[in-house]
C-alpha atoms as a PDB file:
ATOM      1  CA  UNK A   1     -21.203 101.550 -35.436  1.00  0.00           C
ATOM      2  CA  UNK A   2     -23.372 103.493 -37.624  1.00  0.00           C
ATOM      3  CA  UNK A   3     -24.895 101.771 -40.847  1.00  0.00           C
ATOM      4  CA  UNK A   4     -22.904 101.653 -43.959  1.00  0.00           C
ATOM      5  CA  UNK A   5     -23.404 103.941 -46.712  1.00  0.00           C
ATOM      6  CA  UNK A   6     -22.721 103.820 -50.189  1.00  0.00           C
ATOM      7  CA  UNK A   7     -19.582 105.881 -50.985  1.00  0.00           C
ATOM      8  CA  UNK A   8     -19.761 105.579 -54.757  1.00  0.00           C
ATOM      9  CA  UNK A   9     -23.214 104.981 -56.019  1.00  0.00           C
ATOM     10  CA  UNK A  10     -23.790 101.580 -57.433  1.00  0.00           C
ATOM     11  CA  UNK A  11     -25.924 102.798 -60.213  1.00  0.00           C
ATOM     12  CA  UNK A  12     -25.823  99.302 -62.219  1.00  0.00           C
ATOM     13  CA  UNK A  13     -26.274  97.493 -59.126  1.00  0.00           C
ATOM     14  CA  UNK A  14     -28.638  99.079 -56.708  1.00  0.00           C
ATOM     15  CA  UNK A  15     -28.773  96.340 -54.169  1.00  0.00           C
ATOM     16  CA  UNK A  16     -24.887  96.613 -53.690  1.00  0.00           C
ATOM     17  CA  UNK A  17     -22.938  98.872 -51.358  1.00  0.00           C
ATOM     18  CA  UNK A  18     -19.546 100.254 -52.167  1.00  0.00           C
ATOM     19  CA  UNK A  19     -17.297 101.212 -49.286  1.00  0.00           C
ATOM     20  CA  UNK A  20     -13.681 102.673 -49.224  1.00  0.00           C
ATOM     21  CA  UNK A  21     -11.425 101.446 -46.787  1.00  0.00           C
ATOM     22  CA  UNK A  22      -8.411 103.723 -45.868  1.00  0.00           C
ATOM     23  CA  UNK A  23      -5.979 100.867 -44.567  1.00  0.00           C
ATOM     24  CA  UNK A  24      -5.802  97.586 -42.981  1.00  0.00           C
ATOM     25  CA  UNK A  25      -7.406  98.730 -39.231  1.00  0.00           C
ATOM     26  CA  UNK A  26     -10.287 100.452 -41.408  1.00  0.00           C
ATOM     27  CA  UNK A  27     -10.735  97.119 -43.249  1.00  0.00           C
ATOM     28  CA  UNK A  28     -11.079  95.260 -40.064  1.00  0.00           C
ATOM     29  CA  UNK A  29     -13.823  97.643 -38.751  1.00  0.00           C
ATOM     30  CA  UNK A  30     -15.570  97.119 -41.867  1.00  0.00           C
ATOM     31  CA  UNK A  31     -15.304  93.542 -41.643  1.00  0.00           C
ATOM     32  CA  UNK A  32     -16.695  93.762 -38.046  1.00  0.00           C
ATOM     33  CA  UNK A  33     -19.827  95.630 -39.384  1.00  0.00           C
ATOM     34  CA  UNK A  34     -20.095  92.860 -41.980  1.00  0.00           C
ATOM     35  CA  UNK A  35     -19.692  90.124 -39.101  1.00  0.00           C
ATOM     36  CA  UNK A  36     -22.534  91.882 -37.021  1.00  0.00           C
ATOM     37  CA  UNK A  37     -24.826  91.261 -39.727  1.00  0.00           C
ATOM     38  CA  UNK A  38     -23.972  87.588 -40.185  1.00  0.00           C
ATOM     39  CA  UNK A  39     -25.602  84.465 -39.082  1.00  0.00           C
ATOM     40  CA  UNK A  40     -24.847  80.805 -39.098  1.00  0.00           C
ATOM     41  CA  UNK A  41     -25.377  79.536 -42.775  1.00  0.00           C
ATOM     42  CA  UNK A  42     -24.006  82.371 -44.412  1.00  0.00           C
ATOM     43  CA  UNK A  43     -21.537  82.236 -47.335  1.00  0.00           C
ATOM     44  CA  UNK A  44     -19.264  85.131 -48.092  1.00  0.00           C
ATOM     45  CA  UNK A  45     -17.006  85.092 -51.087  1.00  0.00           C
ATOM     46  CA  UNK A  46     -14.058  87.211 -51.494  1.00  0.00           C
ATOM     47  CA  UNK A  47     -12.492  88.198 -54.664  1.00  0.00           C
ATOM     48  CA  UNK A  48      -9.329  90.409 -55.049  1.00  0.00           C
ATOM     49  CA  UNK A  49      -5.621  90.134 -55.639  1.00  0.00           C
ATOM     50  CA  UNK A  50      -2.767  89.542 -53.529  1.00  0.00           C
ATOM     51  CA  UNK A  51      -2.338  91.822 -50.670  1.00  0.00           C
ATOM     52  CA  UNK A  52      -5.883  93.600 -51.049  1.00  0.00           C
ATOM     53  CA  UNK A  53      -7.074  92.860 -47.555  1.00  0.00           C
ATOM     54  CA  UNK A  54      -8.937  89.658 -47.600  1.00  0.00           C
ATOM     55  CA  UNK A  55      -7.702  88.347 -44.591  1.00  0.00           C
ATOM     56  CA  UNK A  56      -7.850  91.880 -42.662  1.00  0.00           C
ATOM     57  CA  UNK A  57     -11.694  91.548 -43.648  1.00  0.00           C
ATOM     58  CA  UNK A  58     -12.117  88.291 -42.450  1.00  0.00           C
ATOM     59  CA  UNK A  59     -10.246  89.129 -39.068  1.00  0.00           C
ATOM     60  CA  UNK A  60     -13.137  91.739 -38.711  1.00  0.00           C
ATOM     61  CA  UNK A  61     -15.828  89.341 -39.548  1.00  0.00           C
ATOM     62  CA  UNK A  62     -14.385  87.093 -36.929  1.00  0.00           C
ATOM     63  CA  UNK A  63     -13.643  89.663 -34.386  1.00  0.00           C
ATOM     64  CA  UNK A  64     -17.558  90.443 -34.406  1.00  0.00           C
ATOM     65  CA  UNK A  65     -18.034  86.948 -32.855  1.00  0.00           C
ATOM     66  CA  UNK A  66     -15.525  87.430 -29.959  1.00  0.00           C
ATOM     67  CA  UNK A  67     -12.714  85.747 -32.068  1.00  0.00           C
ATOM     68  CA  UNK A  68      -9.335  87.665 -31.404  1.00  0.00           C
ATOM     69  CA  UNK A  69      -7.702  89.584 -34.359  1.00  0.00           C
ATOM     70  CA  UNK A  70      -4.569  87.755 -33.813  1.00  0.00           C
ATOM     71  CA  UNK A  71      -5.987  84.184 -33.977  1.00  0.00           C
ATOM     72  CA  UNK A  72      -7.258  84.926 -37.407  1.00  0.00           C
ATOM     73  CA  UNK A  73      -4.404  84.083 -40.031  1.00  0.00           C
ATOM     74  CA  UNK A  74      -4.279  83.458 -43.819  1.00  0.00           C
ATOM     75  CA  UNK A  75      -5.371  79.977 -44.767  1.00  0.00           C
ATOM     76  CA  UNK A  76      -3.265  79.949 -47.783  1.00  0.00           C
ATOM     77  CA  UNK A  77      -0.876  77.065 -46.776  1.00  0.00           C
ATOM     78  CA  UNK A  78      -3.451  75.165 -44.656  1.00  0.00           C
ATOM     79  CA  UNK A  79      -6.441  75.748 -46.889  1.00  0.00           C
ATOM     80  CA  UNK A  80      -8.857  75.982 -44.009  1.00  0.00           C
ATOM     81  CA  UNK A  81      -8.705  77.603 -40.833  1.00  0.00           C
ATOM     82  CA  UNK A  82     -11.643  76.912 -38.480  1.00  0.00           C
ATOM     83  CA  UNK A  83     -12.717  79.188 -35.692  1.00  0.00           C
ATOM     84  CA  UNK A  84     -15.331  78.883 -32.714  1.00  0.00           C
ATOM     85  CA  UNK A  85     -16.875  81.983 -31.137  1.00  0.00           C
ATOM     86  CA  UNK A  86     -17.099  82.444 -27.637  1.00  0.00           C
ATOM     87  CA  UNK A  87     -20.164  81.618 -25.511  1.00  0.00           C
ATOM     88  CA  UNK A  88     -21.627  85.029 -25.847  1.00  0.00           C
ATOM     89  CA  UNK A  89     -21.557  84.742 -29.341  1.00  0.00           C
ATOM     90  CA  UNK A  90     -23.228  81.260 -29.536  1.00  0.00           C
ATOM     91  CA  UNK A  91     -20.245  79.385 -30.128  1.00  0.00           C
ATOM     92  CA  UNK A  92     -20.937  80.086 -33.951  1.00  0.00           C
ATOM     93  CA  UNK A  93     -18.206  78.580 -36.044  1.00  0.00           C
ATOM     94  CA  UNK A  94     -16.398  80.153 -38.944  1.00  0.00           C
ATOM     95  CA  UNK A  95     -14.705  78.416 -41.739  1.00  0.00           C
ATOM     96  CA  UNK A  96     -12.034  80.592 -43.200  1.00  0.00           C
ATOM     97  CA  UNK A  97     -10.996  78.995 -46.689  1.00  0.00           C
ATOM     98  CA  UNK A  98      -8.205  79.923 -49.290  1.00  0.00           C
ATOM     99  CA  UNK A  99      -8.589  78.162 -52.367  1.00  0.00           C
ATOM    100  CA  UNK A 100      -5.403  79.944 -54.015  1.00  0.00           C
ATOM    101  CA  UNK A 101      -3.510  76.846 -54.235  1.00  0.00           C
ATOM    102  CA  UNK A 102      -6.181  74.679 -55.505  1.00  0.00           C
ATOM    103  CA  UNK A 103      -6.455  74.323 -59.351  1.00  0.00           C
ATOM    104  CA  UNK A 104     -10.376  74.395 -59.320  1.00  0.00           C
ATOM    105  CA  UNK A 105     -11.139  70.856 -60.292  1.00  0.00           C
ATOM    106  CA  UNK A 106     -13.843  68.719 -58.347  1.00  0.00           C
ATOM    107  CA  UNK A 107     -11.188  66.372 -56.968  1.00  0.00           C
ATOM    108  CA  UNK A 108      -9.313  69.604 -55.083  1.00  0.00           C
ATOM    109  CA  UNK A 109     -12.757  70.576 -53.723  1.00  0.00           C
ATOM    110  CA  UNK A 110     -13.525  67.058 -52.553  1.00  0.00           C
ATOM    111  CA  UNK A 111     -10.052  66.866 -50.640  1.00  0.00           C
ATOM    112  CA  UNK A 112     -11.006  69.783 -48.504  1.00  0.00           C
ATOM    113  CA  UNK A 113     -14.753  69.009 -47.996  1.00  0.00           C
ATOM    114  CA  UNK A 114     -15.727  72.138 -49.458  1.00  0.00           C
ATOM    115  CA  UNK A 115     -19.472  71.363 -50.047  1.00  0.00           C
ATOM    116  CA  UNK A 116     -19.681  70.286 -46.342  1.00  0.00           C
ATOM    117  CA  UNK A 117     -18.102  73.407 -45.088  1.00  0.00           C
ATOM    118  CA  UNK A 118     -20.801  75.576 -46.327  1.00  0.00           C
ATOM    119  CA  UNK A 119     -23.675  74.406 -44.206  1.00  0.00           C
ATOM    120  CA  UNK A 120     -26.188  76.006 -42.157  1.00  0.00           C
ATOM    121  CA  UNK A 121     -24.207  75.295 -39.064  1.00  0.00           C
ATOM    122  CA  UNK A 122     -21.411  77.929 -39.830  1.00  0.00           C
ATOM    123  CA  UNK A 123     -20.226  80.935 -41.531  1.00  0.00           C
ATOM    124  CA  UNK A 124     -18.180  80.285 -44.260  1.00  0.00           C
ATOM    125  CA  UNK A 125     -15.717  82.915 -45.787  1.00  0.00           C
ATOM    126  CA  UNK A 126     -13.743  81.956 -48.871  1.00  0.00           C
ATOM    127  CA  UNK A 127     -10.875  83.711 -50.326  1.00  0.00           C
ATOM    128  CA  UNK A 128     -10.122  83.481 -54.139  1.00  0.00           C
ATOM    129  CA  UNK A 129     -13.766  82.322 -54.584  1.00  0.00           C
ATOM    130  CA  UNK A 130     -13.588  82.485 -58.312  1.00  0.00           C
ATOM    131  CA  UNK A 131     -11.934  79.160 -58.260  1.00  0.00           C
ATOM    132  CA  UNK A 132     -15.293  77.541 -57.458  1.00  0.00           C
ATOM    133  CA  UNK A 133     -17.546  79.671 -59.716  1.00  0.00           C
ATOM    134  CA  UNK A 134     -19.071  76.587 -61.216  1.00  0.00           C
ATOM    135  CA  UNK A 135     -19.811  74.865 -57.698  1.00  0.00           C
ATOM    136  CA  UNK A 136     -21.350  77.939 -55.998  1.00  0.00           C
ATOM    137  CA  UNK A 137     -24.674  77.698 -54.506  1.00  0.00           C
ATOM    138  CA  UNK A 138     -27.366  80.193 -55.642  1.00  0.00           C
ATOM    139  CA  UNK A 139     -27.217  82.496 -52.573  1.00  0.00           C
ATOM    140  CA  UNK A 140     -24.030  84.219 -50.949  1.00  0.00           C
ATOM    141  CA  UNK A 141     -22.503  87.533 -50.324  1.00  0.00           C
ATOM    142  CA  UNK A 142     -19.905  88.643 -52.865  1.00  0.00           C
ATOM    143  CA  UNK A 143     -17.362  91.093 -51.812  1.00  0.00           C
ATOM    144  CA  UNK A 144     -14.849  92.359 -54.350  1.00  0.00           C
ATOM    145  CA  UNK A 145     -11.794  94.436 -53.142  1.00  0.00           C
ATOM    146  CA  UNK A 146      -9.766  96.471 -55.480  1.00  0.00           C
ATOM    147  CA  UNK A 147      -6.533  98.800 -54.836  1.00  0.00           C
ATOM    148  CA  UNK A 148      -7.244 102.356 -55.216  1.00  0.00           C
ATOM    149  CA  UNK A 149      -3.930 103.417 -53.693  1.00  0.00           C
ATOM    150  CA  UNK A 150      -1.104 101.907 -51.345  1.00  0.00           C
ATOM    151  CA  UNK A 151      -3.512 101.429 -48.442  1.00  0.00           C
ATOM    152  CA  UNK A 152      -6.835 102.599 -49.859  1.00  0.00           C
ATOM    153  CA  UNK A 153      -9.400  99.972 -51.262  1.00  0.00           C
ATOM    154  CA  UNK A 154     -12.797  99.666 -52.564  1.00  0.00           C
ATOM    155  CA  UNK A 155     -15.036  97.056 -51.550  1.00  0.00           C
ATOM    156  CA  UNK A 156     -18.216  96.345 -53.472  1.00  0.00           C
ATOM    157  CA  UNK A 157     -20.595  94.218 -51.292  1.00  0.00           C
ATOM    158  CA  UNK A 158     -23.075  92.615 -53.818  1.00  0.00           C
ATOM    159  CA  UNK A 159     -26.059  90.241 -52.720  1.00  0.00           C
ATOM    160  CA  UNK A 160     -26.816  86.985 -54.386  1.00  0.00           C
ATOM    161  CA  UNK A 161     -30.059  85.903 -53.440  1.00  0.00           C
ATOM    162  CA  UNK A 162     -32.991  87.246 -51.140  1.00  0.00           C
ATOM    163  CA  UNK A 163     -31.257  86.040 -47.874  1.00  0.00           C
ATOM    164  CA  UNK A 164     -28.253  88.465 -48.917  1.00  0.00           C
ATOM    165  CA  UNK A 165     -30.301  91.403 -50.064  1.00  0.00           C
ATOM    166  CA  UNK A 166     -31.710  91.313 -46.560  1.00  0.00           C
ATOM    167  CA  UNK A 167     -28.318  91.372 -45.002  1.00  0.00           C
ATOM    168  CA  UNK A 168     -27.482  94.467 -47.300  1.00  0.00           C
ATOM    169  CA  UNK A 169     -30.355  96.191 -45.991  1.00  0.00           C
ATOM    170  CA  UNK A 170     -29.351  95.432 -42.380  1.00  0.00           C
ATOM    171  CA  UNK A 171     -26.214  96.957 -43.254  1.00  0.00           C
ATOM    172  CA  UNK A 172     -27.725  99.994 -44.655  1.00  0.00           C
ATOM    173  CA  UNK A 173     -29.654 100.258 -41.235  1.00  0.00           C
ATOM    174  CA  UNK A 174     -33.047  99.748 -42.852  1.00  0.00           C
END
C-alpha cells in the first residue's frame, strides 16, 4: 500500500495525519495500513460516536496481523475481545476493548484489568477511550473519527509521545 498522505492539512497539529474514508471497506483498508505500522506494546485509542467505524478500523488493524475480518466483532457487550495473530505474524496478541458501558470509575477499570491489558506484549485498541482519559499512559496513538456524510468519515491520527510520532512518520512513508 502507498504511504498515508494528509488529505486536509493538519496546520495546528503538524505531527497529525487527516485521512478521509469513503466507506466501511475503505476504513478497513486504512486500518490495515495502521496495523502494518503497529508493534507489540502499542496503544491505540479510538474516539467517535456510534456507527462511525471504530470496529471497522479495528478489523483492518487486526487483518494486518492475519486475523480474519469476520473474527473481529464489537466488544460492546463483552467489553474485551482478544485476538492472536497467526505464526507468520509472530503470534502477536491484540486486545480490542470497548469502554462504552463502563462508568469511568477505577472500580470498573479494575474489573476488566485494563492496565494489565496495555502492556508491552500486545497491541491494545480501545473504543470510547474518553472514559479513561485520567488513567492514560503518556504515549499512545489517538484516532478521532467524525461523520462527514452517510458513509464518508474524517480520521485524525494524532501521536502522543515520541514512539507514536515515529509511527506517524512510518505511515507517511518517511
